[in-house]
Amino acid sequence: MNKFKMTRRSFGLMTAGGAASFILGAPAIVRAQTAVTFAVPNPSALTWLPYWVAVGEGYFAEEGLDLRLEAVDGSSSVLQAMSAGQAHIGAPGPGPTLGARSRGVDVKFLYNLYPKSVFGLLVKDDSAYQSPADLKGSIIGVGTADGAEVSFTSAIMTDLGLSEGADFTYLPVGDGGTAAVAFLRDDVNAYAGAVSDAAILASRGLNLREITPEAYLGFFGNGIAMLESQMAAMPDLAPKFGKALVRGMRFASDAANKEKALAHCAAGNPQEGEQDYAASLFDGVLNRMTPTNAFMGQGYGFQPAEHWQAIHDSAVSSGALSAPLPDLSAVYTNDFVAGWNA
């Protein structure tokens, strides 16, 4: 979900591990800090709103954490960076997390960053497509071939009895400007995009319409995850990281702080901050990061078991998982939520 005209590979500096990264120095701290690498699947600062607010307001520094953010290419790359020891903590999607867990990766989802679906199926406003069922025989654009948007869309199409290859085709087209070009050339009939894509593509002259079935808007998006082995090695990281993130959410949720929160995100990604859609993107992201009324009382980061079950069952039905996981509860934990929100 690259949200501006720059490729993931060209963004920032190249690290020794080969991942494109952006580094923002933490505020000057007088006490010792624990260096932490946080891997995310795209370089948009607004996509990771509470993180950049927590950096800018000094919340991570107060927890004794010296954060380095590395933007890689999709959720699978986030999980690979974590498995290779190149990242201590990451922000993958739930679908890729289930897939990694089925392959024996000891990844555990800790914080539900996007309790409302971050993805949607988008079509041109003047197209004849009115529902996903109309996309039979079509080409659906996606950011990356193994991104969380693929798992999300496959769940919808599988429930309609449509399978990739036989009934429709995925075409990786990137996002932002490259996705706009794919639409303009009619290379794709629809696009599985994030909450921000409609606003960004509209700024490039494309008016899009969402045709996501309402039932799927409850499929949550990316969150914060760690390897269980890393959690054992750094037992203080999850409690401290999540506490700072919740403080960032609370700060950003106060309308009086919007301009300052936008400035923190612009510091994390100056090019994005200069875009005329930044303020509307902020509103859309904040909405998707705010729990529904049914779960708001549980606190930021809470993961409903029934939502995990729905995502898991859809992954099995679509073939993204070859078999049900023996213990779905092992994939995630809410053990830290009360402490983060205290």
Protein backbone atom coordinates (compact mmCIF):
# COMPACT_ATOMS: atom_id res chain seq x y z
CA MET A 1 0.00 0.00 0.00
CA ASN A 2 2.47 2.57 -1.11
CA LYS A 3 0.55 5.83 -0.73
CA PHE A 4 2.53 8.21 -2.88
CA LYS A 5 4.56 8.25 -6.05
CA MET A 6 7.58 6.30 -4.91
CA THR A 7 8.35 2.61 -5.01
CA ARG A 8 8.85 0.66 -1.82
CA ARG A 9 12.33 -0.26 -2.99
CA SER A 10 13.40 3.33 -3.58
CA PHE A 11 12.04 4.66 -0.30
CA GLY A 12 14.71 5.57 2.22
CA LEU A 13 17.97 3.75 2.67
CA MET A 14 18.97 0.19 1.87
CA THR A 15 19.89 -1.81 4.94
CA ALA A 16 22.33 -4.69 5.09
CA GLY A 17 19.35 -7.04 4.92
CA GLY A 18 18.22 -5.49 1.63
CA ALA A 19 14.92 -4.05 2.91
CA ALA A 20 13.89 -0.56 1.96
CA SER A 21 13.69 1.50 5.11
CA PHE A 22 13.02 4.91 6.53
CA ILE A 23 14.65 5.99 9.76
CA LEU A 24 13.55 8.81 11.99
CA GLY A 25 15.86 9.50 14.90
CA ALA A 26 14.20 9.29 18.28
CA PRO A 27 14.23 12.37 20.51
CA ALA A 28 17.38 12.88 22.56
CA ILE A 29 17.17 10.65 25.62
CA VAL A 30 19.46 10.77 28.59
CA ARG A 31 18.91 7.20 29.78
CA ALA A 32 19.81 3.94 28.04
CA GLN A 33 17.44 2.85 25.27
CA THR A 34 16.61 -0.56 23.84
CA ALA A 35 17.08 -0.52 20.06
CA VAL A 36 14.06 -2.02 18.31
CA THR A 37 13.39 -2.60 14.59
CA PHE A 38 9.73 -2.42 13.56
CA ALA A 39 8.88 -3.85 10.10
CA VAL A 40 5.81 -2.59 8.21
CA PRO A 41 4.50 -3.64 4.76
CA ASN A 42 4.52 -0.15 3.23
CA PRO A 43 6.13 3.25 3.86
CA SER A 44 2.98 5.34 4.35
CA ALA A 45 3.24 7.15 7.69
CA LEU A 46 -0.52 7.74 7.95
CA THR A 47 -1.13 4.01 7.61
CA TRP A 48 0.79 3.60 10.88
CA LEU A 49 -0.68 6.74 12.46
CA PRO A 50 -0.35 5.93 16.20
CA TYR A 51 3.24 4.78 15.72
CA TRP A 52 4.38 8.12 14.28
CA VAL A 53 2.38 10.04 16.88
CA ALA A 54 4.04 7.97 19.62
CA VAL A 55 7.44 8.72 18.08
CA GLY A 56 6.71 12.43 17.78
CA GLU A 57 5.25 12.79 21.26
CA GLY A 58 8.13 10.83 22.80
CA TYR A 59 5.99 7.96 24.12
CA PHE A 60 8.38 5.24 22.93
CA ALA A 61 11.31 7.12 24.38
CA GLU A 62 9.53 7.30 27.73
CA GLU A 63 9.22 3.52 27.61
CA GLY A 64 12.96 3.21 27.00
CA LEU A 65 12.58 2.13 23.36
CA ASP A 66 14.67 3.46 20.48
CA LEU A 67 12.57 2.64 17.41
CA ARG A 68 13.72 2.13 13.83
CA LEU A 69 10.97 1.61 11.25
CA GLU A 70 11.69 -0.46 8.14
CA ALA A 71 9.19 -0.53 5.28
CA VAL A 72 9.30 -3.73 3.25
CA ASP A 73 7.19 -5.10 0.41
CA GLY A 74 4.01 -6.63 1.85
CA SER A 75 3.02 -8.70 4.87
CA SER A 76 4.96 -11.77 3.77
CA SER A 77 8.15 -9.71 3.71
CA VAL A 78 7.35 -8.43 7.21
CA LEU A 79 7.06 -12.01 8.45
CA GLN A 80 10.26 -12.99 6.64
CA ALA A 81 12.14 -10.10 8.25
CA MET A 82 10.89 -11.17 11.67
CA SER A 83 11.81 -14.83 11.05
CA ALA A 84 15.28 -13.85 9.82
CA GLY A 85 15.95 -11.79 12.93
CA GLN A 86 15.99 -8.52 10.95
CA ALA A 87 12.97 -7.13 12.85
CA HIS A 88 11.96 -7.50 16.48
CA ILE A 89 8.31 -6.68 15.89
CA GLY A 90 6.15 -6.21 12.79
CA ALA A 91 2.76 -5.29 11.34
CA PRO A 92 1.52 -8.15 9.11
CA GLY A 93 -2.04 -8.88 8.02
CA PRO A 94 -4.05 -11.69 9.65
CA GLY A 95 -4.20 -13.83 6.48
CA PRO A 96 -0.41 -14.00 5.96
CA THR A 97 -0.04 -14.53 9.72
CA LEU A 98 -2.28 -17.61 9.55
CA GLY A 99 -0.30 -18.89 6.58
CA ALA A 100 3.01 -18.42 8.40
CA ARG A 101 1.67 -20.15 11.49
CA SER A 102 0.54 -23.12 9.39
CA ARG A 103 4.14 -23.43 8.15
CA GLY A 104 5.47 -23.62 11.68
CA VAL A 105 6.47 -19.97 12.19
CA ASP A 106 5.91 -19.09 15.86
CA VAL A 107 4.30 -15.74 15.09
CA LYS A 108 1.67 -14.35 17.44
CA PHE A 109 -0.72 -11.46 16.75
CA LEU A 110 -0.73 -9.04 19.70
CA TYR A 111 -2.56 -5.85 18.74
CA ASN A 112 -5.51 -5.38 16.39
CA LEU A 113 -4.48 -2.11 14.76
CA TYR A 114 -7.34 -2.03 12.22
CA PRO A 115 -10.42 -3.50 13.95
CA LYS A 116 -12.50 -2.40 10.95
CA SER A 117 -11.52 -3.75 7.55
CA VAL A 118 -8.72 -1.76 5.97
CA PHE A 119 -9.46 -3.25 2.55
CA GLY A 120 -12.27 -2.92 0.06
CA LEU A 121 -13.11 -3.87 -3.51
CA LEU A 122 -13.04 -0.75 -5.69
CA VAL A 123 -14.35 -0.24 -9.23
CA LYS A 124 -14.65 2.80 -11.49
CA ASP A 125 -17.63 4.89 -10.47
CA ASP A 126 -19.14 4.67 -13.98
CA SER A 127 -18.58 0.93 -14.42
CA ALA A 128 -21.37 -1.65 -14.65
CA TYR A 129 -20.01 -3.66 -11.70
CA GLN A 130 -22.42 -3.49 -8.76
CA SER A 131 -21.26 -6.41 -6.62
CA PRO A 132 -18.31 -8.83 -6.41
CA ALA A 133 -20.39 -11.45 -8.24
CA ASP A 134 -20.25 -9.21 -11.31
CA LEU A 135 -16.46 -9.61 -11.36
CA LYS A 136 -16.61 -13.13 -12.79
CA GLY A 137 -14.27 -13.23 -15.76
CA SER A 138 -12.53 -10.04 -14.69
CA ILE A 139 -9.02 -9.00 -13.67
CA ILE A 140 -8.66 -7.72 -10.10
CA GLY A 141 -5.68 -5.52 -9.37
CA VAL A 142 -3.79 -5.98 -6.09
CA GLY A 143 -0.81 -4.21 -4.59
CA THR A 144 1.33 -7.33 -4.24
CA ALA A 145 0.72 -10.98 -5.09
CA ASP A 146 0.97 -12.11 -1.47
CA GLY A 147 -0.42 -9.09 0.36
CA ALA A 148 -3.21 -9.18 2.93
CA GLU A 149 -5.59 -7.68 0.33
CA VAL A 150 -5.41 -10.96 -1.60
CA SER A 151 -6.57 -12.99 1.42
CA PHE A 152 -9.38 -10.51 1.99
CA THR A 153 -10.61 -10.61 -1.62
CA SER A 154 -10.25 -14.39 -1.93
CA ALA A 155 -12.56 -14.83 1.05
CA ILE A 156 -15.26 -12.78 -0.68
CA MET A 157 -14.89 -14.51 -4.03
CA THR A 158 -14.75 -18.01 -2.55
CA ASP A 159 -18.01 -17.46 -0.72
CA LEU A 160 -19.51 -16.60 -4.11
CA GLY A 161 -18.22 -19.85 -5.57
CA LEU A 162 -15.60 -18.06 -7.69
CA SER A 163 -12.00 -19.24 -7.75
CA GLU A 164 -8.82 -17.53 -8.89
CA GLY A 165 -7.64 -18.70 -12.29
CA ALA A 166 -10.92 -20.29 -13.31
CA ASP A 167 -13.29 -17.36 -12.68
CA PHE A 168 -11.10 -14.30 -12.20
CA THR A 169 -7.44 -13.29 -12.17
CA TYR A 170 -5.29 -11.30 -9.76
CA LEU A 171 -2.82 -8.85 -11.29
CA PRO A 172 -0.21 -7.19 -9.03
CA VAL A 173 -0.18 -3.53 -10.08
CA GLY A 174 1.28 -1.81 -7.04
CA ASP A 175 -0.66 1.11 -5.59
CA GLY A 176 -0.98 4.86 -5.85
CA GLY A 177 0.14 6.04 -9.29
CA THR A 178 0.80 2.59 -10.74
CA ALA A 179 -2.68 1.40 -9.73
CA ALA A 180 -4.17 4.48 -11.37
CA VAL A 181 -2.34 3.70 -14.60
CA ALA A 182 -3.69 0.12 -14.52
CA PHE A 183 -7.25 1.46 -14.26
CA LEU A 184 -6.75 4.07 -16.98
CA ARG A 185 -5.34 1.46 -19.36
CA ASP A 186 -8.15 -0.96 -18.48
CA ASP A 187 -5.54 -3.50 -17.37
CA VAL A 188 -7.80 -4.19 -14.38
CA ASN A 189 -11.56 -4.15 -13.87
CA ALA A 190 -11.40 -3.74 -10.10
CA TYR A 191 -8.84 -3.09 -7.40
CA ALA A 192 -8.51 -4.61 -3.95
CA GLY A 193 -7.35 -1.52 -2.12
CA ALA A 194 -6.93 -0.09 1.33
CA VAL A 195 -9.05 2.59 2.94
CA SER A 196 -6.73 5.26 1.58
CA ASP A 197 -6.66 4.13 -2.03
CA ALA A 198 -9.93 5.72 -3.15
CA ALA A 199 -8.79 9.14 -1.92
CA ILE A 200 -5.34 8.79 -3.48
CA LEU A 201 -6.61 7.52 -6.82
CA ALA A 202 -9.24 10.28 -6.86
CA SER A 203 -6.41 12.79 -6.58
CA ARG A 204 -5.11 11.29 -9.83
CA GLY A 205 -8.42 11.81 -11.61
CA LEU A 206 -10.12 8.49 -10.82
CA ASN A 207 -13.49 8.33 -9.10
CA LEU A 208 -13.95 4.91 -7.54
CA ARG A 209 -16.88 3.14 -5.94
CA GLU A 210 -16.66 0.46 -3.24
CA ILE A 211 -18.59 -2.80 -3.80
CA THR A 212 -17.42 -4.68 -0.70
CA PRO A 213 -20.26 -6.72 0.88
CA GLU A 214 -21.13 -5.29 4.29
CA ALA A 215 -20.44 -8.59 6.04
CA TYR A 216 -16.76 -8.38 5.08
CA LEU A 217 -16.19 -4.90 6.44
CA GLY A 218 -15.76 -6.60 9.81
CA PHE A 219 -12.67 -8.47 8.62
CA PHE A 220 -9.92 -6.70 10.52
CA GLY A 221 -6.66 -5.61 8.94
CA ASN A 222 -3.00 -5.42 9.88
CA GLY A 223 -1.87 -5.52 13.47
CA ILE A 224 1.21 -5.82 15.64
CA ALA A 225 2.87 -9.23 15.91
CA MET A 226 6.00 -10.83 17.33
CA LEU A 227 7.59 -14.25 17.23
CA GLU A 228 7.02 -16.16 20.45
CA SER A 229 10.76 -16.76 20.63
CA GLN A 230 11.33 -13.00 20.37
CA MET A 231 8.73 -12.38 23.06
CA ALA A 232 10.68 -14.70 25.36
CA ALA A 233 13.95 -12.95 24.52
CA MET A 234 12.49 -9.45 24.99
CA PRO A 235 9.61 -9.85 27.48
CA ASP A 236 9.26 -6.09 28.04
CA LEU A 237 8.89 -5.16 24.37
CA ALA A 238 5.23 -6.05 23.79
CA PRO A 239 3.97 -4.33 26.97
CA LYS A 240 5.98 -1.17 26.32
CA PHE A 241 5.36 -0.98 22.55
CA GLY A 242 1.61 -1.47 22.92
CA LYS A 243 1.34 1.06 25.75
CA ALA A 244 3.04 3.73 23.63
CA LEU A 245 0.83 2.82 20.65
CA VAL A 246 -2.37 3.18 22.70
CA ARG A 247 -1.19 6.58 23.93
CA GLY A 248 -0.61 7.51 20.28
CA MET A 249 -4.16 6.45 19.40
CA ARG A 250 -5.66 8.44 22.24
CA PHE A 251 -3.70 11.54 21.23
CA ALA A 252 -4.68 11.22 17.55
CA SER A 253 -8.35 10.60 18.44
CA ASP A 254 -8.64 14.01 20.09
CA ALA A 255 -9.82 16.38 17.34
CA ALA A 256 -7.84 19.18 18.95
CA ASN A 257 -4.63 17.28 18.17
CA LYS A 258 -5.27 16.59 14.48
CA GLU A 259 -2.83 19.15 13.06
CA LYS A 260 -0.08 18.09 15.42
CA ALA A 261 -0.70 14.40 14.66
CA LEU A 262 -0.55 15.19 10.93
CA ALA A 263 2.75 16.97 11.50
CA HIS A 264 4.17 13.91 13.27
CA CYS A 265 3.17 11.73 10.31
CA ALA A 266 4.64 14.25 7.87
CA ALA A 267 7.92 14.01 9.76
CA GLY A 268 7.79 10.24 9.18
CA ASN A 269 6.96 10.60 5.48
CA PRO A 270 7.48 14.15 4.15
CA GLN A 271 6.24 13.42 0.62
CA GLU A 272 2.97 11.98 1.88
CA GLY A 273 2.52 14.92 4.24
CA GLU A 274 2.65 17.30 1.28
CA GLN A 275 -0.25 15.61 -0.52
CA ASP A 276 -3.61 17.39 -0.61
CA TYR A 277 -5.39 14.21 0.49
CA ALA A 278 -3.39 13.82 3.74
CA ALA A 279 -6.09 15.30 5.99
CA SER A 280 -8.89 13.13 4.54
CA LEU A 281 -6.63 10.08 4.64
CA PHE A 282 -6.00 10.81 8.32
CA ASP A 283 -9.76 10.78 8.98
CA GLY A 284 -10.26 7.52 7.09
CA VAL A 285 -7.39 5.75 8.84
CA LEU A 286 -8.47 6.96 12.27
CA ASN A 287 -12.00 5.68 11.63
CA ARG A 288 -10.75 2.22 10.65
CA MET A 289 -8.45 2.10 13.69
CA THR A 290 -11.26 2.95 16.12
CA PRO A 291 -13.04 -0.16 17.48
CA THR A 292 -16.75 -0.53 16.88
CA ASN A 293 -19.09 0.29 19.76
CA ALA A 294 -19.45 -3.42 20.50
CA PHE A 295 -15.77 -3.76 21.35
CA MET A 296 -14.70 -0.24 22.35
CA GLY A 297 -15.04 -1.17 26.00
CA GLN A 298 -12.37 -3.84 25.55
CA GLY A 299 -9.75 -1.24 24.71
CA TYR A 300 -7.44 -0.53 21.79
CA GLY A 301 -5.76 -3.61 20.35
CA PHE A 302 -8.46 -6.12 21.37
CA GLN A 303 -8.98 -9.09 19.03
CA PRO A 304 -12.46 -10.69 18.97
CA ALA A 305 -12.26 -14.48 18.79
CA GLU A 306 -15.20 -14.63 16.38
CA HIS A 307 -13.43 -12.32 13.93
CA TRP A 308 -10.35 -14.53 13.94
CA GLN A 309 -12.57 -17.57 13.40
CA ALA A 310 -14.26 -15.94 10.39
CA ILE A 311 -10.93 -15.02 8.79
CA HIS A 312 -9.55 -18.50 9.49
CA ASP A 313 -12.60 -20.27 8.03
CA SER A 314 -12.52 -18.11 4.91
CA ALA A 315 -8.81 -18.88 4.45
CA VAL A 316 -9.55 -22.60 4.62
CA SER A 317 -12.48 -22.28 2.20
CA SER A 318 -10.42 -20.31 -0.31
CA GLY A 319 -7.46 -22.69 -0.14
CA ALA A 320 -5.16 -20.07 1.37
CA LEU A 321 -4.86 -22.56 4.22
CA SER A 322 -4.65 -26.17 3.12
CA ALA A 323 -6.19 -27.35 6.38
CA PRO A 324 -7.65 -25.82 9.54
CA LEU A 325 -5.14 -24.88 12.19
CA PRO A 326 -5.24 -27.26 15.16
CA ASP A 327 -5.40 -24.43 17.70
CA LEU A 328 -6.49 -21.05 16.37
CA SER A 329 -6.19 -19.47 19.82
CA ALA A 330 -2.42 -19.98 19.65
CA VAL A 331 -2.20 -17.46 16.78
CA TYR A 332 -3.18 -14.44 18.89
CA THR A 333 -3.39 -13.16 22.44
CA ASN A 334 -5.28 -10.43 24.29
CA ASP A 335 -3.14 -10.82 27.39
CA PHE A 336 -1.54 -7.37 27.03
CA VAL A 337 -4.66 -5.36 26.19
CA ALA A 338 -5.70 -4.45 29.75
CA GLY A 339 -2.19 -3.25 30.61
CA TRP A 340 -1.90 -1.18 27.44
CA ASN A 341 -5.22 0.57 28.11
CA ALA A 342 -4.80 1.05 31.87
